[in-house]
Amino acid sequence: MSDLKQQLDLLVNQTDIQVSATQADQLVGYVEMLHKWNKAYNLTSVRHPSEMIVKHILDSIVVSEHLEGARFIDVGTGPGLPGVPLAIMNPEKEFYLLDSLGKRIRFIKQALHELGIKNVTAIQSRVEEFQPEEKFDGVLSRAFASMSDMVEWCHHLPKSDTGVFLALKGQLQKDEVEQLPEWCSVNCVKSLNVPELEGERHLVILSRKG
């Protein structure tokens, strides 16, 4: 067993997440590809694969149990985070990964191909210019500076009555909630347990006011 696989197993065992052997292989394969491509394309500031397991893989897959619905879009996905790990964990759900930088989308497409991931569509576009034919159950992001920016730029993406915004944050600042537009409110804030990650992690679920 590779060191990364062993590390992943140890970390997952500290959570309630169930990861199959195939999923573990895909998650580790994704980290190995990200590490390889990162040297040339600078896709993430996290340099070491064992750090990527904690800061990218675990930090993404802990959100899995909070995904309600079948269609999700990860905006500002970067090299595919949290979208690729979540797609691996939820093969029955459909994920769209959106980023404006070509090198990131090229990496994602290659990773999908090499790892045999079938439930992801990678799209190169600015979020405000992307007009999907069908709206989404959840709009995910871990990259946006503020929640108000996220909901303003992505307001056209969730289903109008049931869709939600899912923002991955560190500490939740009170002023961020106060700056949200009138039409949007926080449904709930879930504390995320990410083993061996320093600092707090939260998932903020937001929706249109009824």
N, C-alpha and C. Protein backbone atom coordinates (compact mmCIF):
# COMPACT_ATOMS: atom_id res chain seq x y z
N MET A 1 0.85 -1.22 0.00
CA MET A 1 0.00 0.00 0.00
C MET A 1 0.88 1.25 0.00
N SER A 2 0.53 2.21 -0.84
CA SER A 2 1.34 3.43 -0.90
C SER A 2 1.19 4.24 0.38
N ASP A 3 2.17 5.08 0.64
CA ASP A 3 2.13 5.94 1.84
C ASP A 3 0.89 6.84 1.82
N LEU A 4 0.55 7.35 0.64
CA LEU A 4 -0.60 8.26 0.54
C LEU A 4 -1.90 7.52 0.84
N LYS A 5 -2.00 6.30 0.33
CA LYS A 5 -3.20 5.49 0.58
C LYS A 5 -3.33 5.21 2.08
N GLN A 6 -2.22 4.90 2.69
CA GLN A 6 -2.20 4.62 4.13
C GLN A 6 -2.63 5.87 4.91
N GLN A 7 -2.07 7.01 4.51
CA GLN A 7 -2.41 8.27 5.17
C GLN A 7 -3.90 8.57 5.03
N LEU A 8 -4.42 8.37 3.81
CA LEU A 8 -5.85 8.61 3.56
C LEU A 8 -6.69 7.71 4.46
N ASP A 9 -6.33 6.44 4.53
CA ASP A 9 -7.08 5.48 5.36
C ASP A 9 -7.10 5.94 6.82
N LEU A 10 -5.94 6.33 7.33
CA LEU A 10 -5.84 6.75 8.74
C LEU A 10 -6.72 7.97 9.01
N LEU A 11 -6.72 8.91 8.09
CA LEU A 11 -7.52 10.13 8.27
C LEU A 11 -9.01 9.84 8.16
N VAL A 12 -9.39 9.05 7.16
CA VAL A 12 -10.80 8.72 6.96
C VAL A 12 -11.36 7.98 8.18
N ASN A 13 -10.51 7.15 8.79
CA ASN A 13 -10.95 6.39 9.97
C ASN A 13 -11.27 7.30 11.16
N GLN A 14 -10.83 8.55 11.10
CA GLN A 14 -11.14 9.51 12.18
C GLN A 14 -12.45 10.27 11.89
N THR A 15 -13.11 9.89 10.80
CA THR A 15 -14.38 10.54 10.43
C THR A 15 -15.47 9.47 10.29
N ASP A 16 -16.66 9.90 9.90
CA ASP A 16 -17.75 8.95 9.64
C ASP A 16 -17.88 8.62 8.15
N ILE A 17 -16.89 9.05 7.36
CA ILE A 17 -16.99 8.89 5.91
C ILE A 17 -16.61 7.45 5.52
N GLN A 18 -17.39 6.89 4.61
CA GLN A 18 -17.09 5.57 4.06
C GLN A 18 -16.43 5.74 2.69
N VAL A 19 -15.21 5.22 2.53
CA VAL A 19 -14.50 5.33 1.25
C VAL A 19 -14.19 3.92 0.74
N SER A 20 -14.67 3.59 -0.44
CA SER A 20 -14.40 2.26 -1.00
C SER A 20 -12.96 2.20 -1.52
N ALA A 21 -12.50 0.98 -1.82
CA ALA A 21 -11.14 0.80 -2.34
C ALA A 21 -10.97 1.55 -3.66
N THR A 22 -12.00 1.50 -4.52
CA THR A 22 -11.94 2.21 -5.81
C THR A 22 -11.85 3.71 -5.60
N GLN A 23 -12.69 4.22 -4.70
CA GLN A 23 -12.67 5.66 -4.41
C GLN A 23 -11.32 6.09 -3.84
N ALA A 24 -10.76 5.28 -2.96
CA ALA A 24 -9.44 5.60 -2.38
C ALA A 24 -8.38 5.66 -3.48
N ASP A 25 -8.44 4.70 -4.41
CA ASP A 25 -7.48 4.70 -5.53
C ASP A 25 -7.62 5.97 -6.38
N GLN A 26 -8.87 6.38 -6.64
CA GLN A 26 -9.10 7.58 -7.45
C GLN A 26 -8.64 8.84 -6.72
N LEU A 27 -8.93 8.92 -5.43
CA LEU A 27 -8.53 10.10 -4.64
C LEU A 27 -7.01 10.24 -4.60
N VAL A 28 -6.32 9.13 -4.36
CA VAL A 28 -4.86 9.15 -4.32
C VAL A 28 -4.30 9.43 -5.72
N GLY A 29 -4.91 8.82 -6.73
CA GLY A 29 -4.49 9.07 -8.11
C GLY A 29 -4.61 10.54 -8.49
N TYR A 30 -5.68 11.17 -8.03
CA TYR A 30 -5.89 12.60 -8.28
C TYR A 30 -4.77 13.43 -7.63
N VAL A 31 -4.42 13.10 -6.39
CA VAL A 31 -3.33 13.81 -5.69
C VAL A 31 -2.01 13.62 -6.43
N GLU A 32 -1.75 12.41 -6.88
CA GLU A 32 -0.49 12.15 -7.60
C GLU A 32 -0.43 12.94 -8.90
N MET A 33 -1.56 13.03 -9.61
CA MET A 33 -1.60 13.83 -10.85
C MET A 33 -1.44 15.31 -10.56
N LEU A 34 -2.11 15.77 -9.51
CA LEU A 34 -2.04 17.19 -9.13
C LEU A 34 -0.60 17.56 -8.78
N HIS A 35 0.06 16.70 -8.05
CA HIS A 35 1.46 16.93 -7.67
C HIS A 35 2.35 17.01 -8.91
N LYS A 36 2.12 16.10 -9.85
CA LYS A 36 2.95 16.06 -11.07
C LYS A 36 2.73 17.31 -11.93
N TRP A 37 1.47 17.64 -12.16
CA TRP A 37 1.16 18.81 -12.99
C TRP A 37 1.54 20.13 -12.30
N ASN A 38 1.50 20.12 -10.99
CA ASN A 38 1.74 21.35 -10.24
C ASN A 38 3.13 21.91 -10.49
N LYS A 39 4.08 21.02 -10.73
CA LYS A 39 5.47 21.46 -10.94
C LYS A 39 5.57 22.36 -12.17
N ALA A 40 4.78 22.04 -13.20
CA ALA A 40 4.84 22.82 -14.44
C ALA A 40 3.80 23.93 -14.50
N TYR A 41 2.61 23.68 -13.91
CA TYR A 41 1.48 24.59 -14.13
C TYR A 41 1.06 25.40 -12.91
N ASN A 42 1.68 25.11 -11.77
CA ASN A 42 1.40 25.90 -10.57
C ASN A 42 -0.10 25.98 -10.27
N LEU A 43 -0.73 24.83 -10.09
CA LEU A 43 -2.18 24.75 -9.91
C LEU A 43 -2.62 24.98 -8.47
N THR A 44 -1.73 24.72 -7.51
CA THR A 44 -2.06 24.92 -6.10
C THR A 44 -0.81 25.31 -5.34
N SER A 45 -0.99 26.09 -4.28
CA SER A 45 0.15 26.52 -3.46
C SER A 45 0.59 25.40 -2.51
N VAL A 46 -0.25 24.36 -2.38
CA VAL A 46 0.12 23.21 -1.53
C VAL A 46 1.04 22.32 -2.35
N ARG A 47 2.27 22.16 -1.89
CA ARG A 47 3.30 21.51 -2.70
C ARG A 47 3.44 20.01 -2.45
N HIS A 48 3.22 19.57 -1.23
CA HIS A 48 3.53 18.19 -0.87
C HIS A 48 2.29 17.31 -0.92
N PRO A 49 2.39 16.13 -1.55
CA PRO A 49 1.21 15.26 -1.67
C PRO A 49 0.55 14.92 -0.33
N SER A 50 1.34 14.71 0.72
CA SER A 50 0.71 14.35 2.00
C SER A 50 -0.08 15.52 2.57
N GLU A 51 0.36 16.74 2.27
CA GLU A 51 -0.41 17.94 2.67
C GLU A 51 -1.70 18.04 1.85
N MET A 52 -1.59 17.67 0.56
CA MET A 52 -2.77 17.71 -0.31
C MET A 52 -3.86 16.77 0.19
N ILE A 53 -3.46 15.63 0.74
CA ILE A 53 -4.44 14.66 1.26
C ILE A 53 -5.30 15.33 2.34
N VAL A 54 -4.65 16.11 3.22
CA VAL A 54 -5.40 16.78 4.30
C VAL A 54 -6.13 18.01 3.77
N LYS A 55 -5.37 18.92 3.13
CA LYS A 55 -5.91 20.25 2.80
C LYS A 55 -6.83 20.25 1.58
N HIS A 56 -6.68 19.27 0.71
CA HIS A 56 -7.51 19.23 -0.50
C HIS A 56 -8.52 18.08 -0.47
N ILE A 57 -8.06 16.87 -0.16
CA ILE A 57 -8.97 15.71 -0.24
C ILE A 57 -9.92 15.67 0.96
N LEU A 58 -9.37 15.60 2.17
CA LEU A 58 -10.25 15.53 3.35
C LEU A 58 -11.12 16.77 3.47
N ASP A 59 -10.52 17.92 3.20
CA ASP A 59 -11.25 19.19 3.31
C ASP A 59 -12.42 19.25 2.33
N SER A 60 -12.32 18.51 1.24
CA SER A 60 -13.42 18.45 0.26
C SER A 60 -14.45 17.39 0.62
N ILE A 61 -13.98 16.16 0.92
CA ILE A 61 -14.94 15.06 1.05
C ILE A 61 -15.78 15.14 2.33
N VAL A 62 -15.34 15.94 3.32
CA VAL A 62 -16.18 16.09 4.53
C VAL A 62 -17.50 16.79 4.22
N VAL A 63 -17.58 17.43 3.05
CA VAL A 63 -18.81 18.12 2.66
C VAL A 63 -19.84 17.13 2.10
N SER A 64 -19.38 15.94 1.75
CA SER A 64 -20.19 14.98 0.99
C SER A 64 -21.56 14.71 1.62
N GLU A 65 -21.60 14.52 2.93
CA GLU A 65 -22.86 14.16 3.59
C GLU A 65 -23.89 15.30 3.55
N HIS A 66 -23.45 16.50 3.21
CA HIS A 66 -24.35 17.66 3.20
C HIS A 66 -24.89 17.98 1.81
N LEU A 67 -24.58 17.14 0.83
CA LEU A 67 -25.04 17.39 -0.54
C LEU A 67 -26.43 16.80 -0.75
N GLU A 68 -27.42 17.65 -0.87
CA GLU A 68 -28.78 17.18 -1.12
C GLU A 68 -29.18 17.54 -2.54
N GLY A 69 -29.61 16.53 -3.30
CA GLY A 69 -29.96 16.76 -4.69
C GLY A 69 -29.07 15.95 -5.61
N ALA A 70 -29.15 16.23 -6.91
CA ALA A 70 -28.46 15.41 -7.90
C ALA A 70 -27.50 16.20 -8.79
N ARG A 71 -27.69 17.54 -8.89
CA ARG A 71 -26.88 18.36 -9.80
C ARG A 71 -26.17 19.46 -9.04
N PHE A 72 -24.84 19.52 -9.21
CA PHE A 72 -24.04 20.49 -8.47
C PHE A 72 -23.06 21.19 -9.41
N ILE A 73 -22.76 22.44 -9.09
CA ILE A 73 -21.72 23.14 -9.84
C ILE A 73 -20.71 23.70 -8.83
N ASP A 74 -19.43 23.50 -9.14
CA ASP A 74 -18.33 24.00 -8.32
C ASP A 74 -17.74 25.20 -9.06
N VAL A 75 -17.98 26.40 -8.53
CA VAL A 75 -17.55 27.61 -9.23
C VAL A 75 -16.18 28.06 -8.72
N GLY A 76 -15.32 28.48 -9.66
CA GLY A 76 -13.95 28.81 -9.27
C GLY A 76 -13.25 27.57 -8.74
N THR A 77 -13.41 26.47 -9.47
CA THR A 77 -12.96 25.16 -8.99
C THR A 77 -11.45 25.02 -8.90
N GLY A 78 -10.70 25.93 -9.58
CA GLY A 78 -9.24 25.78 -9.58
C GLY A 78 -8.87 24.46 -10.26
N PRO A 79 -8.05 23.63 -9.61
CA PRO A 79 -7.69 22.35 -10.22
C PRO A 79 -8.73 21.26 -9.98
N GLY A 80 -9.94 21.66 -9.50
CA GLY A 80 -11.00 20.68 -9.31
C GLY A 80 -11.38 20.46 -7.86
N LEU A 81 -11.33 21.52 -7.07
CA LEU A 81 -11.60 21.39 -5.63
C LEU A 81 -12.72 22.32 -5.20
N PRO A 82 -13.71 21.80 -4.51
CA PRO A 82 -13.86 20.42 -3.99
C PRO A 82 -14.50 19.45 -4.98
N GLY A 83 -14.74 19.89 -6.24
CA GLY A 83 -15.57 19.13 -7.16
C GLY A 83 -15.10 17.72 -7.49
N VAL A 84 -13.81 17.55 -7.79
CA VAL A 84 -13.35 16.20 -8.18
C VAL A 84 -13.46 15.21 -7.02
N PRO A 85 -12.95 15.52 -5.82
CA PRO A 85 -13.12 14.57 -4.71
C PRO A 85 -14.59 14.28 -4.41
N LEU A 86 -15.44 15.30 -4.49
CA LEU A 86 -16.88 15.07 -4.21
C LEU A 86 -17.52 14.20 -5.29
N ALA A 87 -17.09 14.38 -6.54
CA ALA A 87 -17.62 13.54 -7.63
C ALA A 87 -17.20 12.08 -7.44
N ILE A 88 -15.97 11.88 -7.00
CA ILE A 88 -15.49 10.51 -6.72
C ILE A 88 -16.34 9.88 -5.61
N MET A 89 -16.67 10.67 -4.61
CA MET A 89 -17.43 10.16 -3.46
C MET A 89 -18.91 9.97 -3.77
N ASN A 90 -19.41 10.64 -4.82
CA ASN A 90 -20.84 10.60 -5.15
C ASN A 90 -21.05 10.28 -6.62
N PRO A 91 -20.72 9.06 -7.04
CA PRO A 91 -20.80 8.73 -8.47
C PRO A 91 -22.21 8.82 -9.05
N GLU A 92 -23.21 8.82 -8.17
CA GLU A 92 -24.60 8.90 -8.66
C GLU A 92 -25.05 10.33 -8.88
N LYS A 93 -24.26 11.31 -8.44
CA LYS A 93 -24.61 12.72 -8.63
C LYS A 93 -23.81 13.30 -9.80
N GLU A 94 -24.30 14.43 -10.32
CA GLU A 94 -23.68 15.07 -11.49
C GLU A 94 -23.00 16.36 -11.06
N PHE A 95 -21.76 16.55 -11.49
CA PHE A 95 -21.00 17.73 -11.09
C PHE A 95 -20.50 18.50 -12.32
N TYR A 96 -20.67 19.81 -12.27
CA TYR A 96 -20.08 20.70 -13.26
C TYR A 96 -18.98 21.49 -12.57
N LEU A 97 -17.80 21.53 -13.18
CA LEU A 97 -16.66 22.24 -12.59
C LEU A 97 -16.31 23.41 -13.49
N LEU A 98 -16.39 24.61 -12.93
CA LEU A 98 -16.26 25.83 -13.72
C LEU A 98 -15.03 26.62 -13.28
N ASP A 99 -14.21 26.99 -14.26
CA ASP A 99 -13.08 27.87 -13.97
C ASP A 99 -12.75 28.65 -15.23
N SER A 100 -12.21 29.86 -15.07
CA SER A 100 -11.93 30.69 -16.25
C SER A 100 -10.54 30.43 -16.83
N LEU A 101 -9.68 29.71 -16.10
CA LEU A 101 -8.31 29.49 -16.58
C LEU A 101 -8.18 28.17 -17.33
N GLY A 102 -7.68 28.25 -18.56
CA GLY A 102 -7.57 27.09 -19.42
C GLY A 102 -6.70 25.98 -18.85
N LYS A 103 -5.57 26.33 -18.21
CA LYS A 103 -4.66 25.28 -17.72
C LYS A 103 -5.32 24.44 -16.63
N ARG A 104 -6.20 25.07 -15.83
CA ARG A 104 -6.89 24.31 -14.79
C ARG A 104 -7.89 23.33 -15.39
N ILE A 105 -8.64 23.81 -16.39
CA ILE A 105 -9.64 22.95 -17.04
C ILE A 105 -8.96 21.82 -17.80
N ARG A 106 -7.80 22.10 -18.42
CA ARG A 106 -7.06 21.04 -19.12
C ARG A 106 -6.62 19.96 -18.13
N PHE A 107 -6.14 20.39 -16.97
CA PHE A 107 -5.74 19.42 -15.95
C PHE A 107 -6.94 18.57 -15.51
N ILE A 108 -8.07 19.22 -15.24
CA ILE A 108 -9.26 18.49 -14.78
C ILE A 108 -9.67 17.45 -15.82
N LYS A 109 -9.71 17.86 -17.09
CA LYS A 109 -10.13 16.92 -18.15
C LYS A 109 -9.20 15.72 -18.24
N GLN A 110 -7.91 15.98 -18.08
CA GLN A 110 -6.94 14.88 -18.12
C GLN A 110 -7.13 13.96 -16.91
N ALA A 111 -7.38 14.55 -15.75
CA ALA A 111 -7.59 13.75 -14.53
C ALA A 111 -8.86 12.89 -14.66
N LEU A 112 -9.93 13.47 -15.19
CA LEU A 112 -11.17 12.72 -15.39
C LEU A 112 -10.93 11.53 -16.30
N HIS A 113 -10.16 11.77 -17.36
CA HIS A 113 -9.87 10.73 -18.34
C HIS A 113 -9.02 9.60 -17.71
N GLU A 114 -7.94 9.98 -17.05
CA GLU A 114 -7.02 8.98 -16.50
C GLU A 114 -7.63 8.21 -15.33
N LEU A 115 -8.48 8.86 -14.56
CA LEU A 115 -9.03 8.22 -13.36
C LEU A 115 -10.40 7.58 -13.61
N GLY A 116 -10.91 7.73 -14.84
CA GLY A 116 -12.18 7.09 -15.19
C GLY A 116 -13.37 7.67 -14.46
N ILE A 117 -13.36 8.99 -14.26
CA ILE A 117 -14.49 9.66 -13.57
C ILE A 117 -15.49 10.11 -14.63
N LYS A 118 -16.72 9.61 -14.53
CA LYS A 118 -17.72 9.81 -15.59
C LYS A 118 -18.78 10.86 -15.28
N ASN A 119 -18.84 11.34 -14.04
CA ASN A 119 -19.97 12.19 -13.64
C ASN A 119 -19.58 13.67 -13.50
N VAL A 120 -18.56 14.09 -14.25
CA VAL A 120 -18.09 15.48 -14.18
C VAL A 120 -18.02 16.09 -15.57
N THR A 121 -18.49 17.33 -15.68
CA THR A 121 -18.32 18.13 -16.90
C THR A 121 -17.47 19.34 -16.53
N ALA A 122 -16.34 19.51 -17.21
CA ALA A 122 -15.46 20.66 -16.94
C ALA A 122 -15.75 21.77 -17.95
N ILE A 123 -15.88 22.99 -17.44
CA ILE A 123 -16.27 24.12 -18.29
C ILE A 123 -15.32 25.29 -18.05
N GLN A 124 -14.75 25.80 -19.15
CA GLN A 124 -13.94 27.02 -19.03
C GLN A 124 -14.82 28.22 -19.34
N SER A 125 -15.08 29.02 -18.31
CA SER A 125 -15.94 30.19 -18.47
C SER A 125 -15.83 31.06 -17.22
N ARG A 126 -16.14 32.32 -17.39
CA ARG A 126 -16.35 33.17 -16.21
C ARG A 126 -17.74 32.85 -15.68
N VAL A 127 -17.89 32.86 -14.37
CA VAL A 127 -19.14 32.39 -13.78
C VAL A 127 -20.33 33.23 -14.23
N GLU A 128 -20.13 34.54 -14.35
CA GLU A 128 -21.26 35.40 -14.70
C GLU A 128 -21.70 35.22 -16.16
N GLU A 129 -20.82 34.61 -16.98
CA GLU A 129 -21.16 34.39 -18.40
C GLU A 129 -21.73 33.00 -18.67
N PHE A 130 -21.68 32.13 -17.67
CA PHE A 130 -22.14 30.75 -17.87
C PHE A 130 -23.64 30.66 -17.65
N GLN A 131 -24.35 30.28 -18.70
CA GLN A 131 -25.82 30.18 -18.63
C GLN A 131 -26.23 28.73 -18.84
N PRO A 132 -26.44 27.97 -17.78
CA PRO A 132 -26.80 26.56 -17.94
C PRO A 132 -28.23 26.39 -18.42
N GLU A 133 -28.46 25.33 -19.19
CA GLU A 133 -29.82 25.03 -19.64
C GLU A 133 -30.69 24.61 -18.46
N GLU A 134 -30.06 23.90 -17.53
CA GLU A 134 -30.79 23.43 -16.35
C GLU A 134 -30.07 23.94 -15.11
N LYS A 135 -30.84 24.43 -14.14
CA LYS A 135 -30.24 24.99 -12.92
C LYS A 135 -29.78 23.87 -11.98
N PHE A 136 -29.14 24.28 -10.87
CA PHE A 136 -28.48 23.31 -9.99
C PHE A 136 -29.12 23.22 -8.61
N ASP A 137 -29.02 22.02 -8.02
CA ASP A 137 -29.48 21.84 -6.63
C ASP A 137 -28.54 22.54 -5.65
N GLY A 138 -27.25 22.56 -6.00
CA GLY A 138 -26.28 23.19 -5.11
C GLY A 138 -25.17 23.87 -5.88
N VAL A 139 -24.80 25.08 -5.43
CA VAL A 139 -23.68 25.83 -6.01
C VAL A 139 -22.57 25.84 -4.97
N LEU A 140 -21.47 25.15 -5.27
CA LEU A 140 -20.37 24.98 -4.32
C LEU A 140 -19.25 25.96 -4.59
N SER A 141 -18.59 26.40 -3.52
CA SER A 141 -17.35 27.14 -3.71
C SER A 141 -16.51 27.12 -2.45
N ARG A 142 -15.21 26.95 -2.66
CA ARG A 142 -14.29 27.14 -1.54
C ARG A 142 -13.26 28.22 -1.88
N ALA A 143 -13.46 28.91 -2.99
CA ALA A 143 -12.44 29.84 -3.46
C ALA A 143 -12.83 31.31 -3.32
N PHE A 144 -14.13 31.59 -3.18
CA PHE A 144 -14.54 32.99 -3.20
C PHE A 144 -14.09 33.75 -1.95
N ALA A 145 -13.70 35.00 -2.16
CA ALA A 145 -13.24 35.82 -1.04
C ALA A 145 -14.36 36.07 -0.04
N SER A 146 -15.54 36.38 -0.55
CA SER A 146 -16.64 36.66 0.37
C SER A 146 -17.92 35.98 -0.10
N MET A 147 -18.80 35.70 0.84
CA MET A 147 -20.07 35.05 0.50
C MET A 147 -20.96 35.98 -0.31
N SER A 148 -20.89 37.28 -0.06
CA SER A 148 -21.73 38.20 -0.82
C SER A 148 -21.31 38.21 -2.29
N ASP A 149 -19.99 38.16 -2.57
CA ASP A 149 -19.51 38.04 -3.96
C ASP A 149 -20.03 36.74 -4.58
N MET A 150 -19.92 35.67 -3.81
CA MET A 150 -20.33 34.37 -4.33
C MET A 150 -21.80 34.37 -4.76
N VAL A 151 -22.68 34.82 -3.87
CA VAL A 151 -24.11 34.74 -4.20
C VAL A 151 -24.49 35.75 -5.29
N GLU A 152 -23.82 36.90 -5.32
CA GLU A 152 -24.12 37.90 -6.37
C GLU A 152 -23.71 37.37 -7.75
N TRP A 153 -22.51 36.80 -7.84
CA TRP A 153 -22.00 36.34 -9.14
C TRP A 153 -22.66 35.05 -9.59
N CYS A 154 -23.17 34.27 -8.64
CA CYS A 154 -23.73 32.95 -8.97
C CYS A 154 -25.25 32.92 -8.81
N HIS A 155 -25.88 34.08 -8.70
CA HIS A 155 -27.31 34.13 -8.36
C HIS A 155 -28.18 33.41 -9.38
N HIS A 156 -27.68 33.29 -10.64
CA HIS A 156 -28.47 32.71 -11.72
C HIS A 156 -28.31 31.18 -11.81
N LEU A 157 -27.53 30.57 -10.92
CA LEU A 157 -27.20 29.15 -11.07
C LEU A 157 -28.08 28.18 -10.28
N PRO A 158 -28.49 28.49 -9.03
CA PRO A 158 -29.30 27.49 -8.31
C PRO A 158 -30.76 27.47 -8.77
N LYS A 159 -31.42 26.33 -8.59
CA LYS A 159 -32.86 26.23 -8.87
C LYS A 159 -33.57 27.27 -8.01
N SER A 160 -34.55 27.94 -8.61
CA SER A 160 -35.12 29.12 -7.95
C SER A 160 -35.81 28.80 -6.63
N ASP A 161 -36.45 27.64 -6.53
CA ASP A 161 -37.19 27.37 -5.29
C ASP A 161 -36.42 26.51 -4.30
N THR A 162 -35.61 25.56 -4.80
CA THR A 162 -34.98 24.60 -3.89
C THR A 162 -33.45 24.68 -3.86
N GLY A 163 -32.85 25.39 -4.82
CA GLY A 163 -31.38 25.40 -4.90
C GLY A 163 -30.73 26.16 -3.75
N VAL A 164 -29.52 25.70 -3.38
CA VAL A 164 -28.79 26.37 -2.30
C VAL A 164 -27.37 26.70 -2.74
N PHE A 165 -26.76 27.62 -1.99
CA PHE A 165 -25.34 27.93 -2.13
C PHE A 165 -24.61 27.23 -0.99
N LEU A 166 -23.49 26.59 -1.30
CA LEU A 166 -22.70 25.88 -0.29
C LEU A 166 -21.30 26.48 -0.27
N ALA A 167 -21.02 27.29 0.74
CA ALA A 167 -19.73 27.99 0.82
C ALA A 167 -18.84 27.33 1.87
N LEU A 168 -17.66 26.89 1.44
CA LEU A 168 -16.68 26.34 2.39
C LEU A 168 -15.84 27.49 2.92
N LYS A 169 -15.86 27.63 4.22
CA LYS A 169 -15.17 28.76 4.85
C LYS A 169 -14.30 28.27 6.00
N GLY A 170 -13.39 29.14 6.43
CA GLY A 170 -12.66 28.87 7.66
C GLY A 170 -13.55 29.31 8.81
N GLN A 171 -13.13 30.34 9.49
CA GLN A 171 -14.03 30.92 10.51
C GLN A 171 -15.07 31.78 9.80
N LEU A 172 -16.29 31.73 10.30
CA LEU A 172 -17.35 32.54 9.70
C LEU A 172 -17.39 33.90 10.38
N GLN A 173 -17.15 34.94 9.60
CA GLN A 173 -17.13 36.30 10.14
C GLN A 173 -18.55 36.87 10.15
N LYS A 174 -18.90 37.49 11.26
CA LYS A 174 -20.25 38.05 11.41
C LYS A 174 -20.54 39.10 10.32
N ASP A 175 -19.52 39.90 9.99
CA ASP A 175 -19.75 40.97 9.01
C ASP A 175 -20.02 40.41 7.61
N GLU A 176 -19.50 39.18 7.34
CA GLU A 176 -19.79 38.56 6.04
C GLU A 176 -21.28 38.26 5.90
N VAL A 177 -21.89 37.82 6.99
CA VAL A 177 -23.33 37.53 6.97
C VAL A 177 -24.11 38.83 6.81
N GLU A 178 -23.66 39.88 7.51
CA GLU A 178 -24.36 41.17 7.45
C GLU A 178 -24.28 41.81 6.06
N GLN A 179 -23.23 41.47 5.30
CA GLN A 179 -23.05 42.07 3.97
C GLN A 179 -23.82 41.34 2.87
N LEU A 180 -24.49 40.24 3.21
CA LEU A 180 -25.24 39.50 2.19
C LEU A 180 -26.35 40.37 1.60
N PRO A 181 -26.68 40.18 0.31
CA PRO A 181 -27.77 40.97 -0.27
C PRO A 181 -29.11 40.62 0.38
N GLU A 182 -30.05 41.54 0.22
CA GLU A 182 -31.38 41.40 0.84
C GLU A 182 -32.06 40.08 0.53
N TRP A 183 -31.88 39.58 -0.70
CA TRP A 183 -32.63 38.42 -1.17
C TRP A 183 -32.08 37.09 -0.67
N CYS A 184 -30.95 37.15 0.04
CA CYS A 184 -30.26 35.91 0.42
C CYS A 184 -30.11 35.80 1.93
N SER A 185 -30.25 34.57 2.45
CA SER A 185 -30.06 34.40 3.89
C SER A 185 -29.34 33.09 4.19
N VAL A 186 -28.76 33.01 5.38
CA VAL A 186 -28.05 31.81 5.82
C VAL A 186 -29.07 30.81 6.37
N ASN A 187 -29.11 29.61 5.78
CA ASN A 187 -29.99 28.55 6.30
C ASN A 187 -29.39 27.93 7.56
N CYS A 188 -28.11 27.55 7.44
CA CYS A 188 -27.43 26.94 8.58
C CYS A 188 -25.92 26.96 8.35
N VAL A 189 -25.20 26.79 9.44
CA VAL A 189 -23.74 26.73 9.40
C VAL A 189 -23.33 25.40 10.04
N LYS A 190 -22.60 24.60 9.29
CA LYS A 190 -22.19 23.29 9.81
C LYS A 190 -20.69 23.29 10.06
N SER A 191 -20.31 22.89 11.25
CA SER A 191 -18.90 22.78 11.60
C SER A 191 -18.36 21.49 10.99
N LEU A 192 -17.24 21.57 10.29
CA LEU A 192 -16.67 20.41 9.60
C LEU A 192 -15.47 19.87 10.37
N ASN A 193 -15.42 18.57 10.51
CA ASN A 193 -14.29 17.94 11.17
C ASN A 193 -13.30 17.45 10.11
N VAL A 194 -12.17 18.15 9.99
CA VAL A 194 -11.13 17.75 9.04
C VAL A 194 -9.90 17.32 9.84
N PRO A 195 -9.68 16.02 10.01
CA PRO A 195 -8.55 15.56 10.83
C PRO A 195 -7.22 16.15 10.37
N GLU A 196 -6.43 16.59 11.34
CA GLU A 196 -5.07 17.12 11.13
C GLU A 196 -5.01 18.45 10.39
N LEU A 197 -6.17 19.08 10.18
CA LEU A 197 -6.15 20.40 9.55
C LEU A 197 -6.16 21.46 10.64
N GLU A 198 -5.21 22.37 10.55
CA GLU A 198 -5.17 23.47 11.53
C GLU A 198 -6.27 24.47 11.21
N GLY A 199 -6.87 25.02 12.25
CA GLY A 199 -7.90 26.04 12.04
C GLY A 199 -9.27 25.43 11.85
N GLU A 200 -10.29 26.27 11.96
CA GLU A 200 -11.67 25.81 11.86
C GLU A 200 -12.11 25.72 10.40
N ARG A 201 -13.06 24.84 10.13
CA ARG A 201 -13.68 24.77 8.81
C ARG A 201 -15.19 24.70 8.99
N HIS A 202 -15.89 25.46 8.16
CA HIS A 202 -17.35 25.48 8.24
C HIS A 202 -17.95 25.40 6.84
N LEU A 203 -19.12 24.82 6.78
CA LEU A 203 -19.90 24.85 5.55
C LEU A 203 -21.11 25.76 5.82
N VAL A 204 -21.22 26.81 5.02
CA VAL A 204 -22.34 27.74 5.18
C VAL A 204 -23.34 27.47 4.05
N ILE A 205 -24.57 27.15 4.42
CA ILE A 205 -25.60 26.86 3.43
C ILE A 205 -26.54 28.06 3.36
N LEU A 206 -26.66 28.62 2.15
CA LEU A 206 -27.46 29.84 1.96
C LEU A 206 -28.52 29.60 0.90
N SER A 207 -29.60 30.36 0.96
CA SER A 207 -30.62 30.26 -0.09
C SER A 207 -31.35 31.59 -0.26
N ARG A 208 -32.14 31.65 -1.31
CA ARG A 208 -33.00 32.82 -1.52
C ARG A 208 -34.05 32.85 -0.43
N LYS A 209 -34.41 34.05 -0.03
CA LYS A 209 -35.49 34.17 0.96
C LYS A 209 -36.80 33.83 0.28
N GLY A 210 -37.57 32.95 0.98
CA GLY A 210 -38.77 32.39 0.45
C GLY A 210 -39.79 33.26 -0.12
